[in-house]
Amino acid sequence: MKKLFSVFLLFAFSLIFSQVNPNDTIRVENLPKDSIPAAKPRTEPEILGNIANSNAPSKLRKFSPTKAGLYSAVLPGLGQFYNRKYWKIPIVWGAVGTGIGIAVWNDNQYKRYRNAFVAELNGLPHEFSGIRGVDKTVLGNAQDRSKRQRDYAIGITGLIYILNIVDAVVDAHLYEGRKDPDLALTPAVIHDRFSNFESKGGLALTFKF
């Protein structure tokens, strides 16, 4: 009986250890393939075209000065938007808006003093009637002062409007030059043999051709 039990245990152990562990096997289907697909042959024009594209200078965005000027003429700040100088737009709007506001305020003041001056000349009551020291001379001087300040404000606003157009045109015209790697304004050391200090800091305008 013991021999039979021993033979049974030996047979059972042999069956257990004879099974293949799936973790020890190599899955051939997941191995990378040894074959390398052949590259498609390229023609000589394609090769030369790729070389030319690789050596070609990077394309720069160009802005039209005419468009920039027209945009700024239609709406101040629009030319700066076209040139992608967004930080200039609040400056342009603030300057133009301030000039217009001062001109309108002085024009309203001029109309007030003008109406009072005409009424004073005709002996009619007006806004400033009953105020001591207010006569036709004072009202005339006040209306002249308001008119002069209004005209100055209009002139300055017009100048700002023109400068807004000029800035947009010049900025668009010089954009390509500022991005040109062959033209640069860089810090440099200046050697001066006729000075107490032979080396000085400065700026150098470099043009490569």
C-alpha atoms as a PDB file:
ATOM      1  CA  MET A   1       0.000   0.000   0.000  1.00  0.00           C
ATOM      2  CA  LYS A   2       2.834   2.405   0.849  1.00  0.00           C
ATOM      3  CA  LYS A   3       4.570   1.603  -2.415  1.00  0.00           C
ATOM      4  CA  LEU A   4       1.413   2.287  -4.326  1.00  0.00           C
ATOM      5  CA  PHE A   5       0.953   5.644  -2.502  1.00  0.00           C
ATOM      6  CA  SER A   6       4.570   6.582  -3.203  1.00  0.00           C
ATOM      7  CA  VAL A   7       4.177   5.748  -6.871  1.00  0.00           C
ATOM      8  CA  PHE A   8       1.029   7.890  -6.951  1.00  0.00           C
ATOM      9  CA  LEU A   9       2.782  10.888  -5.353  1.00  0.00           C
ATOM     10  CA  LEU A  10       5.719  10.544  -7.717  1.00  0.00           C
ATOM     11  CA  PHE A  11       3.396  10.431 -10.692  1.00  0.00           C
ATOM     12  CA  ALA A  12       1.473  13.517  -9.440  1.00  0.00           C
ATOM     13  CA  PHE A  13       4.671  15.573  -8.888  1.00  0.00           C
ATOM     14  CA  SER A  14       5.916  14.588 -12.307  1.00  0.00           C
ATOM     15  CA  LEU A  15       2.689  15.819 -13.884  1.00  0.00           C
ATOM     16  CA  ILE A  16       2.831  19.154 -12.001  1.00  0.00           C
ATOM     17  CA  PHE A  17       6.466  19.973 -12.858  1.00  0.00           C
ATOM     18  CA  SER A  18       6.092  18.749 -16.402  1.00  0.00           C
ATOM     19  CA  GLN A  19       3.571  21.538 -17.213  1.00  0.00           C
ATOM     20  CA  VAL A  20       4.989  24.554 -19.064  1.00  0.00           C
ATOM     21  CA  ASN A  21       4.879  27.897 -17.265  1.00  0.00           C
ATOM     22  CA  PRO A  22       3.362  30.459 -19.665  1.00  0.00           C
ATOM     23  CA  ASN A  23       5.571  33.202 -18.178  1.00  0.00           C
ATOM     24  CA  ASP A  24       8.679  31.341 -19.284  1.00  0.00           C
ATOM     25  CA  THR A  25       7.614  31.094 -22.884  1.00  0.00           C
ATOM     26  CA  ILE A  26       8.610  33.571 -25.621  1.00  0.00           C
ATOM     27  CA  ARG A  27       5.780  34.945 -27.669  1.00  0.00           C
ATOM     28  CA  VAL A  28       7.193  34.963 -31.113  1.00  0.00           C
ATOM     29  CA  GLU A  29       4.343  36.966 -32.563  1.00  0.00           C
ATOM     30  CA  ASN A  30       5.289  40.080 -30.501  1.00  0.00           C
ATOM     31  CA  LEU A  31       8.930  40.117 -31.467  1.00  0.00           C
ATOM     32  CA  PRO A  32      10.016  42.902 -33.804  1.00  0.00           C
ATOM     33  CA  LYS A  33      10.484  41.921 -37.356  1.00  0.00           C
ATOM     34  CA  ASP A  34      13.996  41.678 -38.664  1.00  0.00           C
ATOM     35  CA  SER A  35      13.075  42.924 -42.100  1.00  0.00           C
ATOM     36  CA  ILE A  36      13.367  46.675 -42.871  1.00  0.00           C
ATOM     37  CA  PRO A  37      11.044  48.058 -45.537  1.00  0.00           C
ATOM     38  CA  ALA A  38      12.984  49.498 -48.393  1.00  0.00           C
ATOM     39  CA  ALA A  39      12.788  53.286 -48.682  1.00  0.00           C
ATOM     40  CA  LYS A  40      11.114  54.668 -51.728  1.00  0.00           C
ATOM     41  CA  PRO A  41      13.788  55.987 -54.068  1.00  0.00           C
ATOM     42  CA  ARG A  42      13.648  59.738 -54.661  1.00  0.00           C
ATOM     43  CA  THR A  43      14.410  61.451 -57.895  1.00  0.00           C
ATOM     44  CA  GLU A  44      17.205  63.953 -58.317  1.00  0.00           C
ATOM     45  CA  PRO A  45      14.843  66.986 -58.597  1.00  0.00           C
ATOM     46  CA  GLU A  46      13.186  65.994 -55.319  1.00  0.00           C
ATOM     47  CA  ILE A  47      16.547  65.750 -53.569  1.00  0.00           C
ATOM     48  CA  LEU A  48      17.666  69.116 -54.933  1.00  0.00           C
ATOM     49  CA  GLY A  49      14.335  70.670 -53.948  1.00  0.00           C
ATOM     50  CA  ASN A  50      14.653  69.419 -50.380  1.00  0.00           C
ATOM     51  CA  ILE A  51      18.181  70.785 -50.134  1.00  0.00           C
ATOM     52  CA  ALA A  52      17.075  74.155 -51.472  1.00  0.00           C
ATOM     53  CA  ASN A  53      14.168  74.325 -49.012  1.00  0.00           C
ATOM     54  CA  SER A  54      16.481  73.447 -46.128  1.00  0.00           C
ATOM     55  CA  ASN A  55      18.984  76.150 -47.040  1.00  0.00           C
ATOM     56  CA  ALA A  56      16.397  78.795 -47.910  1.00  0.00           C
ATOM     57  CA  PRO A  57      16.089  81.721 -45.461  1.00  0.00           C
ATOM     58  CA  SER A  58      13.066  81.752 -43.229  1.00  0.00           C
ATOM     59  CA  LYS A  59      10.105  83.650 -44.637  1.00  0.00           C
ATOM     60  CA  LEU A  60       9.279  86.865 -42.851  1.00  0.00           C
ATOM     61  CA  ARG A  61       5.853  88.341 -42.551  1.00  0.00           C
ATOM     62  CA  LYS A  62       5.526  91.500 -44.612  1.00  0.00           C
ATOM     63  CA  PHE A  63       3.209  94.387 -43.876  1.00  0.00           C
ATOM     64  CA  SER A  64       1.943  96.782 -46.507  1.00  0.00           C
ATOM     65  CA  PRO A  65       2.650 100.448 -45.615  1.00  0.00           C
ATOM     66  CA  THR A  66      -0.251 101.522 -47.821  1.00  0.00           C
ATOM     67  CA  LYS A  67      -2.731  99.327 -45.977  1.00  0.00           C
ATOM     68  CA  ALA A  68      -1.374 100.386 -42.600  1.00  0.00           C
ATOM     69  CA  GLY A  69      -1.749 104.075 -43.522  1.00  0.00           C
ATOM     70  CA  LEU A  70      -5.280 103.644 -44.864  1.00  0.00           C
ATOM     71  CA  TYR A  71      -6.367 101.678 -41.809  1.00  0.00           C
ATOM     72  CA  SER A  72      -5.034 104.366 -39.468  1.00  0.00           C
ATOM     73  CA  ALA A  73      -6.700 107.064 -41.554  1.00  0.00           C
ATOM     74  CA  VAL A  74     -10.070 105.316 -41.307  1.00  0.00           C
ATOM     75  CA  LEU A  75      -9.748 104.586 -37.578  1.00  0.00           C
ATOM     76  CA  PRO A  76      -6.808 105.704 -35.415  1.00  0.00           C
ATOM     77  CA  GLY A  77      -5.081 102.663 -33.975  1.00  0.00           C
ATOM     78  CA  LEU A  78      -6.296 100.278 -36.676  1.00  0.00           C
ATOM     79  CA  GLY A  79      -2.980 100.532 -38.525  1.00  0.00           C
ATOM     80  CA  GLN A  80      -1.146  99.631 -35.322  1.00  0.00           C
ATOM     81  CA  PHE A  81      -3.450  96.643 -34.979  1.00  0.00           C
ATOM     82  CA  TYR A  82      -2.571  95.622 -38.540  1.00  0.00           C
ATOM     83  CA  ASN A  83       1.141  95.898 -37.690  1.00  0.00           C
ATOM     84  CA  ARG A  84       0.562  93.814 -34.538  1.00  0.00           C
ATOM     85  CA  LYS A  85       1.726  96.642 -32.296  1.00  0.00           C
ATOM     86  CA  TYR A  86      -1.168  96.206 -29.919  1.00  0.00           C
ATOM     87  CA  TRP A  87       0.454  98.149 -27.078  1.00  0.00           C
ATOM     88  CA  LYS A  88       0.291 101.345 -29.164  1.00  0.00           C
ATOM     89  CA  ILE A  89      -3.491 101.228 -29.585  1.00  0.00           C
ATOM     90  CA  PRO A  90      -4.374 102.514 -26.058  1.00  0.00           C
ATOM     91  CA  ILE A  91      -1.805 105.308 -26.463  1.00  0.00           C
ATOM     92  CA  VAL A  92      -3.298 106.429 -29.790  1.00  0.00           C
ATOM     93  CA  TRP A  93      -6.873 106.245 -28.514  1.00  0.00           C
ATOM     94  CA  GLY A  94      -5.981 108.029 -25.291  1.00  0.00           C
ATOM     95  CA  ALA A  95      -4.191 110.878 -27.090  1.00  0.00           C
ATOM     96  CA  VAL A  96      -6.893 111.353 -29.727  1.00  0.00           C
ATOM     97  CA  GLY A  97      -9.712 110.996 -27.202  1.00  0.00           C
ATOM     98  CA  THR A  98      -8.117 113.505 -24.829  1.00  0.00           C
ATOM     99  CA  GLY A  99      -7.682 116.045 -27.612  1.00  0.00           C
ATOM    100  CA  ILE A 100     -11.266 115.653 -28.769  1.00  0.00           C
ATOM    101  CA  GLY A 101     -12.571 115.916 -25.206  1.00  0.00           C
ATOM    102  CA  ILE A 102     -10.667 119.156 -24.544  1.00  0.00           C
ATOM    103  CA  ALA A 103     -11.833 120.617 -27.853  1.00  0.00           C
ATOM    104  CA  VAL A 104     -15.487 119.788 -27.142  1.00  0.00           C
ATOM    105  CA  TRP A 105     -15.329 121.168 -23.601  1.00  0.00           C
ATOM    106  CA  ASN A 106     -13.787 124.458 -24.743  1.00  0.00           C
ATOM    107  CA  ASP A 107     -16.318 124.714 -27.581  1.00  0.00           C
ATOM    108  CA  ASN A 108     -19.157 124.420 -25.070  1.00  0.00           C
ATOM    109  CA  GLN A 109     -17.533 127.065 -22.892  1.00  0.00           C
ATOM    110  CA  TYR A 110     -17.132 129.343 -25.896  1.00  0.00           C
ATOM    111  CA  LYS A 111     -20.824 129.022 -26.749  1.00  0.00           C
ATOM    112  CA  ARG A 112     -21.802 129.882 -23.172  1.00  0.00           C
ATOM    113  CA  TYR A 113     -19.661 132.991 -23.059  1.00  0.00           C
ATOM    114  CA  ARG A 114     -20.658 133.966 -26.594  1.00  0.00           C
ATOM    115  CA  ASN A 115     -24.369 133.819 -25.810  1.00  0.00           C
ATOM    116  CA  ALA A 116     -23.845 135.798 -22.602  1.00  0.00           C
ATOM    117  CA  PHE A 117     -21.725 138.373 -24.427  1.00  0.00           C
ATOM    118  CA  VAL A 118     -24.377 138.918 -27.118  1.00  0.00           C
ATOM    119  CA  ALA A 119     -27.090 139.174 -24.467  1.00  0.00           C
ATOM    120  CA  GLU A 120     -24.998 141.680 -22.505  1.00  0.00           C
ATOM    121  CA  LEU A 121     -24.565 143.833 -25.598  1.00  0.00           C
ATOM    122  CA  ASN A 122     -28.332 143.798 -26.204  1.00  0.00           C
ATOM    123  CA  GLY A 123     -29.151 144.517 -22.564  1.00  0.00           C
ATOM    124  CA  LEU A 124     -30.838 141.133 -22.042  1.00  0.00           C
ATOM    125  CA  PRO A 125     -30.493 138.828 -19.035  1.00  0.00           C
ATOM    126  CA  HIS A 126     -28.074 135.927 -19.381  1.00  0.00           C
ATOM    127  CA  GLU A 127     -26.441 133.125 -17.419  1.00  0.00           C
ATOM    128  CA  PHE A 128     -23.941 135.418 -15.673  1.00  0.00           C
ATOM    129  CA  SER A 129     -26.308 138.283 -14.903  1.00  0.00           C
ATOM    130  CA  GLY A 130     -26.040 139.633 -11.372  1.00  0.00           C
ATOM    131  CA  ILE A 131     -22.429 138.533 -10.858  1.00  0.00           C
ATOM    132  CA  ARG A 132     -20.298 141.456  -9.695  1.00  0.00           C
ATOM    133  CA  GLY A 133     -17.568 142.456 -12.101  1.00  0.00           C
ATOM    134  CA  VAL A 134     -19.018 140.591 -15.078  1.00  0.00           C
ATOM    135  CA  ASP A 135     -19.469 142.938 -18.008  1.00  0.00           C
ATOM    136  CA  LYS A 136     -19.117 142.796 -21.755  1.00  0.00           C
ATOM    137  CA  THR A 137     -15.314 143.098 -21.561  1.00  0.00           C
ATOM    138  CA  VAL A 138     -14.979 140.136 -19.217  1.00  0.00           C
ATOM    139  CA  LEU A 139     -17.378 138.040 -21.278  1.00  0.00           C
ATOM    140  CA  GLY A 140     -15.585 139.013 -24.500  1.00  0.00           C
ATOM    141  CA  ASN A 141     -12.208 137.997 -23.089  1.00  0.00           C
ATOM    142  CA  ALA A 142     -13.675 134.717 -21.774  1.00  0.00           C
ATOM    143  CA  GLN A 143     -15.154 133.801 -25.126  1.00  0.00           C
ATOM    144  CA  ASP A 144     -11.909 134.639 -26.922  1.00  0.00           C
ATOM    145  CA  ARG A 145      -9.905 132.509 -24.495  1.00  0.00           C
ATOM    146  CA  SER A 146     -12.238 129.526 -24.852  1.00  0.00           C
ATOM    147  CA  LYS A 147     -12.184 129.830 -28.632  1.00  0.00           C
ATOM    148  CA  ARG A 148      -8.377 129.968 -28.693  1.00  0.00           C
ATOM    149  CA  GLN A 149      -8.058 126.909 -26.443  1.00  0.00           C
ATOM    150  CA  ARG A 150     -10.582 125.048 -28.605  1.00  0.00           C
ATOM    151  CA  ASP A 151      -8.600 125.823 -31.746  1.00  0.00           C
ATOM    152  CA  TYR A 152      -5.357 124.703 -30.104  1.00  0.00           C
ATOM    153  CA  ALA A 153      -6.976 121.440 -29.027  1.00  0.00           C
ATOM    154  CA  ILE A 154      -8.303 120.825 -32.541  1.00  0.00           C
ATOM    155  CA  GLY A 155      -4.858 121.515 -34.036  1.00  0.00           C
ATOM    156  CA  ILE A 156      -3.069 119.216 -31.583  1.00  0.00           C
ATOM    157  CA  THR A 157      -5.650 116.483 -32.144  1.00  0.00           C
ATOM    158  CA  GLY A 158      -5.165 116.777 -35.899  1.00  0.00           C
ATOM    159  CA  LEU A 159      -1.399 116.521 -35.431  1.00  0.00           C
ATOM    160  CA  ILE A 160      -1.829 113.391 -33.312  1.00  0.00           C
ATOM    161  CA  TYR A 161      -4.078 111.946 -35.999  1.00  0.00           C
ATOM    162  CA  ILE A 162      -1.412 112.562 -38.652  1.00  0.00           C
ATOM    163  CA  LEU A 163       1.340 111.134 -36.434  1.00  0.00           C
ATOM    164  CA  ASN A 164      -0.809 108.049 -35.935  1.00  0.00           C
ATOM    165  CA  ILE A 165      -0.866 107.504 -39.715  1.00  0.00           C
ATOM    166  CA  VAL A 166       2.854 108.207 -40.098  1.00  0.00           C
ATOM    167  CA  ASP A 167       3.700 105.805 -37.283  1.00  0.00           C
ATOM    168  CA  ALA A 168       1.694 102.997 -38.887  1.00  0.00           C
ATOM    169  CA  VAL A 169       3.274 103.572 -42.321  1.00  0.00           C
ATOM    170  CA  VAL A 170       6.845 103.778 -41.010  1.00  0.00           C
ATOM    171  CA  ASP A 171       6.369 100.803 -38.718  1.00  0.00           C
ATOM    172  CA  ALA A 172       5.062  98.647 -41.568  1.00  0.00           C
ATOM    173  CA  HIS A 173       7.869  99.823 -43.877  1.00  0.00           C
ATOM    174  CA  LEU A 174      10.662  99.097 -41.378  1.00  0.00           C
ATOM    175  CA  TYR A 175       9.292  95.785 -40.082  1.00  0.00           C
ATOM    176  CA  GLU A 176      11.203  93.662 -42.579  1.00  0.00           C
ATOM    177  CA  GLY A 177      14.425  95.558 -41.930  1.00  0.00           C
ATOM    178  CA  ARG A 178      14.170  95.033 -38.170  1.00  0.00           C
ATOM    179  CA  LYS A 179      13.810  91.281 -38.701  1.00  0.00           C
ATOM    180  CA  ASP A 180      16.750  91.075 -41.114  1.00  0.00           C
ATOM    181  CA  PRO A 181      19.592  89.072 -39.464  1.00  0.00           C
ATOM    182  CA  ASP A 182      22.140  90.854 -41.694  1.00  0.00           C
ATOM    183  CA  LEU A 183      21.213  94.244 -40.231  1.00  0.00           C
ATOM    184  CA  ALA A 184      21.633  94.608 -36.495  1.00  0.00           C
ATOM    185  CA  LEU A 185      22.180  97.258 -33.844  1.00  0.00           C
ATOM    186  CA  THR A 186      24.100  95.596 -31.021  1.00  0.00           C
ATOM    187  CA  PRO A 187      26.226  96.626 -28.022  1.00  0.00           C
ATOM    188  CA  ALA A 188      29.942  96.765 -28.776  1.00  0.00           C
ATOM    189  CA  VAL A 189      33.269  97.686 -27.206  1.00  0.00           C
ATOM    190  CA  ILE A 190      34.848 100.743 -28.824  1.00  0.00           C
ATOM    191  CA  HIS A 191      38.656 100.965 -28.769  1.00  0.00           C
ATOM    192  CA  ASP A 192      39.936 104.554 -28.623  1.00  0.00           C
ATOM    193  CA  ARG A 193      43.716 104.989 -28.527  1.00  0.00           C
ATOM    194  CA  PHE A 194      43.510 108.758 -28.109  1.00  0.00           C
ATOM    195  CA  SER A 195      41.525 108.671 -24.875  1.00  0.00           C
ATOM    196  CA  ASN A 196      42.429 107.924 -21.277  1.00  0.00           C
ATOM    197  CA  PHE A 197      40.157 104.890 -21.457  1.00  0.00           C
ATOM    198  CA  GLU A 198      41.022 102.738 -24.443  1.00  0.00           C
ATOM    199  CA  SER A 199      37.868 100.644 -24.192  1.00  0.00           C
ATOM    200  CA  LYS A 200      34.382 102.156 -24.071  1.00  0.00           C
ATOM    201  CA  GLY A 201      30.911 100.770 -24.277  1.00  0.00           C
ATOM    202  CA  GLY A 202      28.722 101.751 -27.195  1.00  0.00           C
ATOM    203  CA  LEU A 203      26.412 100.647 -29.989  1.00  0.00           C
ATOM    204  CA  ALA A 204      27.454  99.219 -33.345  1.00  0.00           C
ATOM    205  CA  LEU A 205      25.356  99.195 -36.508  1.00  0.00           C
ATOM    206  CA  THR A 206      26.316  96.048 -38.410  1.00  0.00           C
ATOM    207  CA  PHE A 207      25.393  95.323 -41.991  1.00  0.00           C
ATOM    208  CA  LYS A 208      26.392  91.992 -43.559  1.00  0.00           C
ATOM    209  CA  PHE A 209      26.424  91.447 -47.302  1.00  0.00           C
END
